[in-house]
Amino acid sequence: MEENVKVVFKPFDCDFRGAVLRKYDDGEIYYTIVVNENLSEEAQIRTIRHEIAHIAHNDFESNVPIGEIEAIRHATI
């Protein structure tokens, strides 16, 4: 993967598992994966893999509804 990816862990007291954020800076694309630090290590790893799949499959550019994208990504990890 050629993109710049950073993973950060933050505490969340809800069912939030993680998300990936995309930022453009000087023509470069940067991704930040935010993971709930209150998850188990196994759940954190699954969450990171899930978010990387969004990056690898270029889901930010997709015209497919997010619900369908999530169903596909959850079926493949």
N, C-alpha and C. Protein backbone atom coordinates (compact mmCIF):
# COMPACT_ATOMS: atom_id res chain seq x y z
N MET A 1 0.85 -1.17 0.00
CA MET A 1 0.00 0.00 0.00
C MET A 1 0.89 1.24 0.00
N GLU A 2 0.67 2.12 -0.94
CA GLU A 2 1.51 3.31 -1.05
C GLU A 2 1.02 4.46 -0.19
N GLU A 3 -0.19 4.39 0.29
CA GLU A 3 -0.75 5.48 1.07
C GLU A 3 -0.05 5.61 2.42
N ASN A 4 -0.14 6.78 2.96
CA ASN A 4 0.36 7.05 4.31
C ASN A 4 -0.74 6.72 5.29
N VAL A 5 -0.50 5.74 6.16
CA VAL A 5 -1.53 5.29 7.10
C VAL A 5 -0.98 5.38 8.53
N LYS A 6 -1.79 5.96 9.40
CA LYS A 6 -1.45 6.05 10.82
C LYS A 6 -2.60 5.42 11.60
N VAL A 7 -2.28 4.70 12.65
CA VAL A 7 -3.29 4.10 13.52
C VAL A 7 -3.20 4.78 14.88
N VAL A 8 -4.35 5.24 15.38
CA VAL A 8 -4.40 5.85 16.71
C VAL A 8 -5.46 5.12 17.54
N PHE A 9 -5.21 5.01 18.83
CA PHE A 9 -6.13 4.35 19.75
C PHE A 9 -6.69 5.40 20.69
N LYS A 10 -8.01 5.46 20.78
CA LYS A 10 -8.70 6.41 21.65
C LYS A 10 -9.75 5.67 22.46
N PRO A 11 -10.01 6.12 23.69
CA PRO A 11 -11.04 5.45 24.50
C PRO A 11 -12.45 5.91 24.09
N PHE A 12 -13.33 4.95 23.90
CA PHE A 12 -14.74 5.22 23.62
C PHE A 12 -15.56 4.32 24.53
N ASP A 13 -16.57 4.87 25.18
CA ASP A 13 -17.42 4.10 26.09
C ASP A 13 -18.70 3.63 25.41
N CYS A 14 -18.67 3.55 24.10
CA CYS A 14 -19.86 3.12 23.36
C CYS A 14 -19.47 1.93 22.48
N ASP A 15 -20.36 1.55 21.58
CA ASP A 15 -20.13 0.40 20.70
C ASP A 15 -19.21 0.73 19.53
N PHE A 16 -18.68 1.93 19.46
CA PHE A 16 -17.78 2.34 18.38
C PHE A 16 -16.56 1.43 18.37
N ARG A 17 -16.27 0.86 17.21
CA ARG A 17 -15.10 -0.01 17.08
C ARG A 17 -13.95 0.73 16.42
N GLY A 18 -14.26 1.43 15.33
CA GLY A 18 -13.21 2.15 14.63
C GLY A 18 -13.72 2.80 13.38
N ALA A 19 -12.85 3.60 12.78
CA ALA A 19 -13.18 4.30 11.54
C ALA A 19 -11.88 4.69 10.86
N VAL A 20 -11.98 4.98 9.58
CA VAL A 20 -10.82 5.48 8.86
C VAL A 20 -11.18 6.86 8.31
N LEU A 21 -10.26 7.79 8.48
CA LEU A 21 -10.43 9.16 8.01
C LEU A 21 -9.41 9.41 6.91
N ARG A 22 -9.81 10.17 5.90
CA ARG A 22 -8.90 10.48 4.79
C ARG A 22 -8.67 11.97 4.72
N LYS A 23 -7.43 12.35 4.47
CA LYS A 23 -7.07 13.77 4.39
C LYS A 23 -6.13 13.98 3.21
N TYR A 24 -6.35 15.07 2.49
CA TYR A 24 -5.43 15.48 1.42
C TYR A 24 -4.54 16.58 1.95
N ASP A 25 -3.24 16.50 1.64
CA ASP A 25 -2.31 17.54 2.04
C ASP A 25 -1.22 17.63 0.98
N ASP A 26 -1.15 18.76 0.31
CA ASP A 26 -0.16 18.98 -0.76
C ASP A 26 -0.17 17.87 -1.80
N GLY A 27 -1.37 17.45 -2.20
CA GLY A 27 -1.50 16.43 -3.22
C GLY A 27 -1.30 15.00 -2.74
N GLU A 28 -0.96 14.82 -1.50
CA GLU A 28 -0.79 13.50 -0.91
C GLU A 28 -2.06 13.10 -0.16
N ILE A 29 -2.32 11.80 -0.12
CA ILE A 29 -3.45 11.28 0.64
C ILE A 29 -2.91 10.64 1.91
N TYR A 30 -3.54 11.00 3.03
CA TYR A 30 -3.16 10.44 4.33
C TYR A 30 -4.40 9.82 4.96
N TYR A 31 -4.22 8.67 5.58
CA TYR A 31 -5.31 7.99 6.27
C TYR A 31 -4.97 7.87 7.75
N THR A 32 -5.99 8.07 8.57
CA THR A 32 -5.86 7.83 10.00
C THR A 32 -6.93 6.82 10.39
N ILE A 33 -6.49 5.70 10.93
CA ILE A 33 -7.42 4.69 11.44
C ILE A 33 -7.56 4.94 12.94
N VAL A 34 -8.77 5.18 13.38
CA VAL A 34 -9.07 5.40 14.79
C VAL A 34 -9.69 4.12 15.33
N VAL A 35 -9.10 3.60 16.42
CA VAL A 35 -9.55 2.33 16.99
C VAL A 35 -9.90 2.55 18.47
N ASN A 36 -10.99 1.95 18.89
CA ASN A 36 -11.41 2.04 20.29
C ASN A 36 -10.42 1.25 21.14
N GLU A 37 -9.69 1.94 22.02
CA GLU A 37 -8.69 1.27 22.86
C GLU A 37 -9.31 0.38 23.92
N ASN A 38 -10.62 0.49 24.14
CA ASN A 38 -11.29 -0.36 25.13
C ASN A 38 -11.65 -1.74 24.58
N LEU A 39 -11.42 -1.98 23.31
CA LEU A 39 -11.67 -3.29 22.73
C LEU A 39 -10.56 -4.26 23.14
N SER A 40 -10.85 -5.54 23.03
CA SER A 40 -9.80 -6.54 23.24
C SER A 40 -8.77 -6.41 22.13
N GLU A 41 -7.58 -6.96 22.36
CA GLU A 41 -6.54 -6.90 21.33
C GLU A 41 -7.02 -7.56 20.03
N GLU A 42 -7.70 -8.68 20.15
CA GLU A 42 -8.22 -9.38 18.97
C GLU A 42 -9.21 -8.50 18.21
N ALA A 43 -10.11 -7.84 18.92
CA ALA A 43 -11.09 -6.96 18.28
C ALA A 43 -10.41 -5.74 17.66
N GLN A 44 -9.37 -5.24 18.28
CA GLN A 44 -8.62 -4.12 17.71
C GLN A 44 -7.97 -4.53 16.39
N ILE A 45 -7.38 -5.71 16.36
CA ILE A 45 -6.74 -6.21 15.14
C ILE A 45 -7.76 -6.39 14.03
N ARG A 46 -8.91 -6.99 14.36
CA ARG A 46 -9.98 -7.16 13.36
C ARG A 46 -10.43 -5.80 12.83
N THR A 47 -10.55 -4.82 13.72
CA THR A 47 -10.99 -3.48 13.33
C THR A 47 -9.97 -2.84 12.40
N ILE A 48 -8.70 -2.95 12.72
CA ILE A 48 -7.66 -2.39 11.86
C ILE A 48 -7.69 -3.05 10.48
N ARG A 49 -7.82 -4.37 10.45
CA ARG A 49 -7.90 -5.08 9.16
C ARG A 49 -9.10 -4.60 8.35
N HIS A 50 -10.22 -4.43 9.03
CA HIS A 50 -11.44 -3.95 8.37
C HIS A 50 -11.22 -2.58 7.75
N GLU A 51 -10.62 -1.67 8.51
CA GLU A 51 -10.40 -0.31 8.01
C GLU A 51 -9.37 -0.30 6.88
N ILE A 52 -8.34 -1.14 6.97
CA ILE A 52 -7.37 -1.24 5.88
C ILE A 52 -8.04 -1.75 4.61
N ALA A 53 -9.01 -2.66 4.75
CA ALA A 53 -9.74 -3.15 3.58
C ALA A 53 -10.47 -2.00 2.89
N HIS A 54 -11.03 -1.06 3.66
CA HIS A 54 -11.68 0.12 3.05
C HIS A 54 -10.67 0.91 2.22
N ILE A 55 -9.46 1.08 2.76
CA ILE A 55 -8.42 1.83 2.04
C ILE A 55 -8.00 1.06 0.80
N ALA A 56 -7.69 -0.22 0.96
CA ALA A 56 -7.18 -1.05 -0.14
C ALA A 56 -8.17 -1.16 -1.29
N HIS A 57 -9.47 -1.15 -0.98
CA HIS A 57 -10.50 -1.27 -2.01
C HIS A 57 -11.01 0.08 -2.48
N ASN A 58 -10.35 1.16 -2.02
CA ASN A 58 -10.68 2.51 -2.46
C ASN A 58 -12.16 2.84 -2.23
N ASP A 59 -12.68 2.43 -1.08
CA ASP A 59 -14.09 2.62 -0.78
C ASP A 59 -14.49 4.10 -0.70
N PHE A 60 -13.54 4.98 -0.47
CA PHE A 60 -13.86 6.41 -0.41
C PHE A 60 -14.34 6.94 -1.76
N GLU A 61 -13.93 6.28 -2.83
CA GLU A 61 -14.28 6.72 -4.18
C GLU A 61 -15.49 5.96 -4.74
N SER A 62 -16.02 5.03 -4.00
CA SER A 62 -17.09 4.17 -4.49
C SER A 62 -18.44 4.89 -4.51
N ASN A 63 -19.26 4.50 -5.48
CA ASN A 63 -20.64 4.99 -5.55
C ASN A 63 -21.62 4.00 -4.91
N VAL A 64 -21.09 2.90 -4.39
CA VAL A 64 -21.93 1.89 -3.74
C VAL A 64 -22.36 2.44 -2.37
N PRO A 65 -23.61 2.26 -1.99
CA PRO A 65 -24.07 2.74 -0.67
C PRO A 65 -23.23 2.15 0.46
N ILE A 66 -22.98 2.95 1.48
CA ILE A 66 -22.11 2.55 2.59
C ILE A 66 -22.58 1.26 3.26
N GLY A 67 -23.89 1.06 3.37
CA GLY A 67 -24.40 -0.18 3.97
C GLY A 67 -23.95 -1.41 3.20
N GLU A 68 -23.95 -1.31 1.87
CA GLU A 68 -23.50 -2.43 1.04
C GLU A 68 -21.99 -2.63 1.17
N ILE A 69 -21.24 -1.53 1.20
CA ILE A 69 -19.80 -1.63 1.36
C ILE A 69 -19.47 -2.31 2.69
N GLU A 70 -20.13 -1.88 3.76
CA GLU A 70 -19.88 -2.48 5.08
C GLU A 70 -20.20 -3.97 5.08
N ALA A 71 -21.30 -4.36 4.44
CA ALA A 71 -21.66 -5.78 4.38
C ALA A 71 -20.58 -6.58 3.67
N ILE A 72 -20.06 -6.03 2.58
CA ILE A 72 -18.99 -6.70 1.82
C ILE A 72 -17.73 -6.81 2.67
N ARG A 73 -17.32 -5.73 3.30
CA ARG A 73 -16.08 -5.72 4.09
C ARG A 73 -16.19 -6.65 5.31
N HIS A 74 -17.36 -6.69 5.95
CA HIS A 74 -17.51 -7.58 7.10
C HIS A 74 -17.51 -9.05 6.68
N ALA A 75 -17.91 -9.33 5.47
CA ALA A 75 -17.93 -10.71 4.98
C ALA A 75 -16.54 -11.19 4.60
N THR A 76 -15.59 -10.27 4.42
CA THR A 76 -14.27 -10.67 3.90
C THR A 76 -13.18 -10.67 4.96
N ILE A 77 -13.50 -10.31 6.22
CA ILE A 77 -12.45 -10.33 7.24
C ILE A 77 -12.71 -11.43 8.25
